[in-house]
Amino acid sequence: MTALYTPQSNEDAERKNRTLIDTVNSMLIKSDVLENLWGKALMTACLILTRIPLKNSDKTPYTI
C-alpha cells in the first residue's frame, strides 16, 4: 500500500518507469527519428521489456 498521489513511495513502479524512459530515450537517439514518435517508441520499449526473461526465472513477464 502506498499513500495517494505519492508515486515516489513505490520504488518498483518508479524503477520500471525509469527503465522505460531510459530505453525510449536510447531508442530515439540511436535511430535519429523525430520526437513525435515518442509514443510508439514507448510502446515498443514496453513490448521488448516484457519479452525479456526475469533474473530469477526462465519465464518472461509476458508468459507469467
PDB file of N, CA and C in Angstrom:
ATOM      1  N   MET A   1       0.841  -1.177   0.000  1.00  0.00           N
ATOM      2  CA  MET A   1       0.000   0.000   0.000  1.00  0.00           C
ATOM      3  C   MET A   1       0.893   1.249   0.000  1.00  0.00           C
ATOM      4  N   THR A   2       0.492   2.212  -0.752  1.00  0.00           N
ATOM      5  CA  THR A   2       1.205   3.487  -0.778  1.00  0.00           C
ATOM      6  C   THR A   2       0.207   4.614  -0.551  1.00  0.00           C
ATOM      7  N   ALA A   3       0.732   5.733  -0.146  1.00  0.00           N
ATOM      8  CA  ALA A   3      -0.127   6.900   0.070  1.00  0.00           C
ATOM      9  C   ALA A   3      -0.591   7.452  -1.273  1.00  0.00           C
ATOM     10  N   LEU A   4      -1.767   8.018  -1.291  1.00  0.00           N
ATOM     11  CA  LEU A   4      -2.298   8.584  -2.515  1.00  0.00           C
ATOM     12  C   LEU A   4      -1.428   9.733  -3.033  1.00  0.00           C
ATOM     13  N   TYR A   5      -1.297   9.802  -4.344  1.00  0.00           N
ATOM     14  CA  TYR A   5      -0.597  10.883  -5.036  1.00  0.00           C
ATOM     15  C   TYR A   5       0.873  11.013  -4.636  1.00  0.00           C
ATOM     16  N   THR A   6       1.492   9.908  -4.252  1.00  0.00           N
ATOM     17  CA  THR A   6       2.926   9.898  -3.929  1.00  0.00           C
ATOM     18  C   THR A   6       3.587   8.731  -4.659  1.00  0.00           C
ATOM     19  N   PRO A   7       3.737   8.823  -5.977  1.00  0.00           N
ATOM     20  CA  PRO A   7       4.331   7.710  -6.716  1.00  0.00           C
ATOM     21  C   PRO A   7       5.777   7.442  -6.323  1.00  0.00           C
ATOM     22  N   GLN A   8       6.456   8.434  -5.773  1.00  0.00           N
ATOM     23  CA  GLN A   8       7.852   8.239  -5.382  1.00  0.00           C
ATOM     24  C   GLN A   8       7.993   7.245  -4.237  1.00  0.00           C
ATOM     25  N   SER A   9       6.901   6.925  -3.538  1.00  0.00           N
ATOM     26  CA  SER A   9       6.984   5.965  -2.448  1.00  0.00           C
ATOM     27  C   SER A   9       6.897   4.531  -2.951  1.00  0.00           C
ATOM     28  N   ASN A  10       6.598   4.323  -4.210  1.00  0.00           N
ATOM     29  CA  ASN A  10       6.533   2.987  -4.788  1.00  0.00           C
ATOM     30  C   ASN A  10       7.787   2.767  -5.629  1.00  0.00           C
ATOM     31  N   GLU A  11       8.803   2.181  -5.030  1.00  0.00           N
ATOM     32  CA  GLU A  11      10.104   2.044  -5.680  1.00  0.00           C
ATOM     33  C   GLU A  11      10.056   1.168  -6.927  1.00  0.00           C
ATOM     34  N   ASP A  12       9.281   0.088  -6.893  1.00  0.00           N
ATOM     35  CA  ASP A  12       9.227  -0.812  -8.044  1.00  0.00           C
ATOM     36  C   ASP A  12       8.653  -0.118  -9.278  1.00  0.00           C
ATOM     37  N   ALA A  13       7.569   0.595  -9.090  1.00  0.00           N
ATOM     38  CA  ALA A  13       6.955   1.299 -10.216  1.00  0.00           C
ATOM     39  C   ALA A  13       7.871   2.402 -10.730  1.00  0.00           C
ATOM     40  N   GLU A  14       8.510   3.117  -9.827  1.00  0.00           N
ATOM     41  CA  GLU A  14       9.426   4.186 -10.246  1.00  0.00           C
ATOM     42  C   GLU A  14      10.616   3.624 -11.017  1.00  0.00           C
ATOM     43  N   ARG A  15      11.139   2.483 -10.597  1.00  0.00           N
ATOM     44  CA  ARG A  15      12.266   1.863 -11.294  1.00  0.00           C
ATOM     45  C   ARG A  15      11.844   1.416 -12.695  1.00  0.00           C
ATOM     46  N   LYS A  16      10.645   0.833 -12.811  1.00  0.00           N
ATOM     47  CA  LYS A  16      10.149   0.395 -14.119  1.00  0.00           C
ATOM     48  C   LYS A  16       9.924   1.594 -15.044  1.00  0.00           C
ATOM     49  N   ASN A  17       9.368   2.675 -14.485  1.00  0.00           N
ATOM     50  CA  ASN A  17       9.168   3.888 -15.280  1.00  0.00           C
ATOM     51  C   ASN A  17      10.490   4.454 -15.778  1.00  0.00           C
ATOM     52  N   ARG A  18      11.491   4.465 -14.902  1.00  0.00           N
ATOM     53  CA  ARG A  18      12.799   4.987 -15.302  1.00  0.00           C
ATOM     54  C   ARG A  18      13.432   4.104 -16.373  1.00  0.00           C
ATOM     55  N   THR A  19      13.292   2.781 -16.225  1.00  0.00           N
ATOM     56  CA  THR A  19      13.817   1.858 -17.227  1.00  0.00           C
ATOM     57  C   THR A  19      13.151   2.098 -18.582  1.00  0.00           C
ATOM     58  N   LEU A  20      11.843   2.281 -18.566  1.00  0.00           N
ATOM     59  CA  LEU A  20      11.124   2.541 -19.807  1.00  0.00           C
ATOM     60  C   LEU A  20      11.577   3.852 -20.452  1.00  0.00           C
ATOM     61  N   ILE A  21      11.673   4.907 -19.663  1.00  0.00           N
ATOM     62  CA  ILE A  21      12.073   6.212 -20.200  1.00  0.00           C
ATOM     63  C   ILE A  21      13.498   6.164 -20.735  1.00  0.00           C
ATOM     64  N   ASP A  22      14.402   5.501 -20.008  1.00  0.00           N
ATOM     65  CA  ASP A  22      15.783   5.380 -20.484  1.00  0.00           C
ATOM     66  C   ASP A  22      15.856   4.597 -21.791  1.00  0.00           C
ATOM     67  N   THR A  23      15.060   3.544 -21.888  1.00  0.00           N
ATOM     68  CA  THR A  23      15.032   2.747 -23.112  1.00  0.00           C
ATOM     69  C   THR A  23      14.500   3.557 -24.280  1.00  0.00           C
ATOM     70  N   VAL A  24      13.431   4.304 -24.039  1.00  0.00           N
ATOM     71  CA  VAL A  24      12.850   5.148 -25.101  1.00  0.00           C
ATOM     72  C   VAL A  24      13.856   6.195 -25.561  1.00  0.00           C
ATOM     73  N   ASN A  25      14.488   6.861 -24.628  1.00  0.00           N
ATOM     74  CA  ASN A  25      15.477   7.884 -24.995  1.00  0.00           C
ATOM     75  C   ASN A  25      16.614   7.282 -25.811  1.00  0.00           C
ATOM     76  N   SER A  26      17.096   6.112 -25.405  1.00  0.00           N
ATOM     77  CA  SER A  26      18.173   5.452 -26.143  1.00  0.00           C
ATOM     78  C   SER A  26      17.731   5.094 -27.554  1.00  0.00           C
ATOM     79  N   MET A  27      16.502   4.569 -27.677  1.00  0.00           N
ATOM     80  CA  MET A  27      15.994   4.196 -28.996  1.00  0.00           C
ATOM     81  C   MET A  27      15.873   5.411 -29.905  1.00  0.00           C
ATOM     82  N   LEU A  28      15.345   6.510 -29.381  1.00  0.00           N
ATOM     83  CA  LEU A  28      15.151   7.706 -30.204  1.00  0.00           C
ATOM     84  C   LEU A  28      16.479   8.342 -30.610  1.00  0.00           C
ATOM     85  N   ILE A  29      17.437   8.359 -29.685  1.00  0.00           N
ATOM     86  CA  ILE A  29      18.745   8.946 -30.004  1.00  0.00           C
ATOM     87  C   ILE A  29      19.479   8.097 -31.035  1.00  0.00           C
ATOM     88  N   LYS A  30      19.466   6.789 -30.851  1.00  0.00           N
ATOM     89  CA  LYS A  30      20.197   5.894 -31.751  1.00  0.00           C
ATOM     90  C   LYS A  30      19.600   5.883 -33.154  1.00  0.00           C
ATOM     91  N   SER A  31      18.276   5.983 -33.267  1.00  0.00           N
ATOM     92  CA  SER A  31      17.637   5.860 -34.574  1.00  0.00           C
ATOM     93  C   SER A  31      17.518   7.183 -35.324  1.00  0.00           C
ATOM     94  N   ASP A  32      17.775   8.302 -34.665  1.00  0.00           N
ATOM     95  CA  ASP A  32      17.681   9.625 -35.296  1.00  0.00           C
ATOM     96  C   ASP A  32      16.303   9.895 -35.906  1.00  0.00           C
ATOM     97  N   VAL A  33      15.242   9.472 -35.220  1.00  0.00           N
ATOM     98  CA  VAL A  33      13.887   9.756 -35.692  1.00  0.00           C
ATOM     99  C   VAL A  33      13.347  10.978 -34.960  1.00  0.00           C
ATOM    100  N   LEU A  34      12.228  11.472 -35.441  1.00  0.00           N
ATOM    101  CA  LEU A  34      11.616  12.641 -34.825  1.00  0.00           C
ATOM    102  C   LEU A  34      11.037  12.308 -33.453  1.00  0.00           C
ATOM    103  N   GLU A  35      10.964  13.318 -32.607  1.00  0.00           N
ATOM    104  CA  GLU A  35      10.438  13.111 -31.256  1.00  0.00           C
ATOM    105  C   GLU A  35       8.942  12.843 -31.235  1.00  0.00           C
ATOM    106  N   ASN A  36       8.260  13.087 -32.341  1.00  0.00           N
ATOM    107  CA  ASN A  36       6.822  12.835 -32.346  1.00  0.00           C
ATOM    108  C   ASN A  36       6.510  11.337 -32.366  1.00  0.00           C
ATOM    109  N   LEU A  37       7.529  10.498 -32.533  1.00  0.00           N
ATOM    110  CA  LEU A  37       7.350   9.046 -32.463  1.00  0.00           C
ATOM    111  C   LEU A  37       7.610   8.514 -31.063  1.00  0.00           C
ATOM    112  N   TRP A  38       7.603   9.398 -30.071  1.00  0.00           N
ATOM    113  CA  TRP A  38       7.901   9.027 -28.696  1.00  0.00           C
ATOM    114  C   TRP A  38       6.918   7.985 -28.178  1.00  0.00           C
ATOM    115  N   GLY A  39       5.647   8.133 -28.489  1.00  0.00           N
ATOM    116  CA  GLY A  39       4.634   7.188 -28.019  1.00  0.00           C
ATOM    117  C   GLY A  39       4.839   5.796 -28.578  1.00  0.00           C
ATOM    118  N   LYS A  40       5.154   5.719 -29.874  1.00  0.00           N
ATOM    119  CA  LYS A  40       5.430   4.420 -30.494  1.00  0.00           C
ATOM    120  C   LYS A  40       6.677   3.786 -29.896  1.00  0.00           C
ATOM    121  N   ALA A  41       7.690   4.604 -29.615  1.00  0.00           N
ATOM    122  CA  ALA A  41       8.913   4.089 -29.009  1.00  0.00           C
ATOM    123  C   ALA A  41       8.632   3.563 -27.601  1.00  0.00           C
ATOM    124  N   LEU A  42       7.761   4.237 -26.864  1.00  0.00           N
ATOM    125  CA  LEU A  42       7.401   3.776 -25.519  1.00  0.00           C
ATOM    126  C   LEU A  42       6.684   2.436 -25.583  1.00  0.00           C
ATOM    127  N   MET A  43       5.757   2.295 -26.502  1.00  0.00           N
ATOM    128  CA  MET A  43       5.044   1.027 -26.638  1.00  0.00           C
ATOM    129  C   MET A  43       6.002  -0.098 -27.056  1.00  0.00           C
ATOM    130  N   THR A  44       6.945   0.198 -27.927  1.00  0.00           N
ATOM    131  CA  THR A  44       7.919  -0.794 -28.364  1.00  0.00           C
ATOM    132  C   THR A  44       8.841  -1.189 -27.212  1.00  0.00           C
ATOM    133  N   ALA A  45       9.281  -0.210 -26.426  1.00  0.00           N
ATOM    134  CA  ALA A  45      10.142  -0.496 -25.283  1.00  0.00           C
ATOM    135  C   ALA A  45       9.406  -1.375 -24.270  1.00  0.00           C
ATOM    136  N   CYS A  46       8.146  -1.091 -24.037  1.00  0.00           N
ATOM    137  CA  CYS A  46       7.347  -1.894 -23.116  1.00  0.00           C
ATOM    138  C   CYS A  46       7.218  -3.320 -23.640  1.00  0.00           C
ATOM    139  N   LEU A  47       6.977  -3.471 -24.929  1.00  0.00           N
ATOM    140  CA  LEU A  47       6.870  -4.790 -25.538  1.00  0.00           C
ATOM    141  C   LEU A  47       8.177  -5.565 -25.390  1.00  0.00           C
ATOM    142  N   ILE A  48       9.286  -4.903 -25.640  1.00  0.00           N
ATOM    143  CA  ILE A  48      10.597  -5.549 -25.532  1.00  0.00           C
ATOM    144  C   ILE A  48      10.864  -5.984 -24.092  1.00  0.00           C
ATOM    145  N   LEU A  49      10.610  -5.103 -23.133  1.00  0.00           N
ATOM    146  CA  LEU A  49      10.908  -5.406 -21.742  1.00  0.00           C
ATOM    147  C   LEU A  49      10.034  -6.525 -21.178  1.00  0.00           C
ATOM    148  N   THR A  50       8.842  -6.709 -21.716  1.00  0.00           N
ATOM    149  CA  THR A  50       8.004  -7.809 -21.235  1.00  0.00           C
ATOM    150  C   THR A  50       8.380  -9.133 -21.878  1.00  0.00           C
ATOM    151  N   ARG A  51       9.213  -9.101 -22.912  1.00  0.00           N
ATOM    152  CA  ARG A  51       9.637 -10.332 -23.576  1.00  0.00           C
ATOM    153  C   ARG A  51      11.009 -10.827 -23.103  1.00  0.00           C
ATOM    154  N   ILE A  52      11.677 -10.081 -22.227  1.00  0.00           N
ATOM    155  CA  ILE A  52      12.987 -10.461 -21.711  1.00  0.00           C
ATOM    156  C   ILE A  52      12.786 -11.309 -20.456  1.00  0.00           C
ATOM    157  N   PRO A  53      13.470 -12.479 -20.347  1.00  0.00           N
ATOM    158  CA  PRO A  53      13.303 -13.320 -19.151  1.00  0.00           C
ATOM    159  C   PRO A  53      13.735 -12.598 -17.874  1.00  0.00           C
ATOM    160  N   LEU A  54      13.073 -12.941 -16.783  1.00  0.00           N
ATOM    161  CA  LEU A  54      13.398 -12.363 -15.483  1.00  0.00           C
ATOM    162  C   LEU A  54      14.710 -12.936 -14.954  1.00  0.00           C
ATOM    163  N   LYS A  55      15.339 -12.245 -14.009  1.00  0.00           N
ATOM    164  CA  LYS A  55      16.616 -12.687 -13.449  1.00  0.00           C
ATOM    165  C   LYS A  55      16.504 -14.042 -12.760  1.00  0.00           C
ATOM    166  N   ASN A  56      15.465 -14.219 -11.960  1.00  0.00           N
ATOM    167  CA  ASN A  56      15.351 -15.418 -11.135  1.00  0.00           C
ATOM    168  C   ASN A  56      14.469 -16.497 -11.755  1.00  0.00           C
ATOM    169  N   SER A  57      14.153 -16.378 -13.040  1.00  0.00           N
ATOM    170  CA  SER A  57      13.269 -17.334 -13.689  1.00  0.00           C
ATOM    171  C   SER A  57      13.593 -17.398 -15.175  1.00  0.00           C
ATOM    172  N   ASP A  58      13.207 -18.511 -15.785  1.00  0.00           N
ATOM    173  CA  ASP A  58      13.387 -18.644 -17.237  1.00  0.00           C
ATOM    174  C   ASP A  58      12.172 -18.117 -17.985  1.00  0.00           C
ATOM    175  N   LYS A  59      11.139 -17.716 -17.250  1.00  0.00           N
ATOM    176  CA  LYS A  59       9.930 -17.225 -17.889  1.00  0.00           C
ATOM    177  C   LYS A  59       9.982 -15.716 -18.045  1.00  0.00           C
ATOM    178  N   THR A  60       9.261 -15.229 -19.041  1.00  0.00           N
ATOM    179  CA  THR A  60       9.161 -13.790 -19.271  1.00  0.00           C
ATOM    180  C   THR A  60       7.932 -13.246 -18.559  1.00  0.00           C
ATOM    181  N   PRO A  61       7.890 -11.959 -18.262  1.00  0.00           N
ATOM    182  CA  PRO A  61       6.683 -11.389 -17.670  1.00  0.00           C
ATOM    183  C   PRO A  61       5.448 -11.630 -18.542  1.00  0.00           C
ATOM    184  N   TYR A  62       5.636 -11.671 -19.845  1.00  0.00           N
ATOM    185  CA  TYR A  62       4.505 -11.897 -20.758  1.00  0.00           C
ATOM    186  C   TYR A  62       3.894 -13.282 -20.541  1.00  0.00           C
ATOM    187  N   THR A  63       4.739 -14.308 -20.379  1.00  0.00           N
ATOM    188  CA  THR A  63       4.208 -15.660 -20.201  1.00  0.00           C
ATOM    189  C   THR A  63       3.661 -15.874 -18.802  1.00  0.00           C
ATOM    190  N   ILE A  64       4.175 -15.159 -17.833  1.00  0.00           N
ATOM    191  CA  ILE A  64       3.667 -15.296 -16.454  1.00  0.00           C
ATOM    192  C   ILE A  64       2.289 -14.676 -16.378  1.00  0.00           C
TER     193      ILE A  64
END
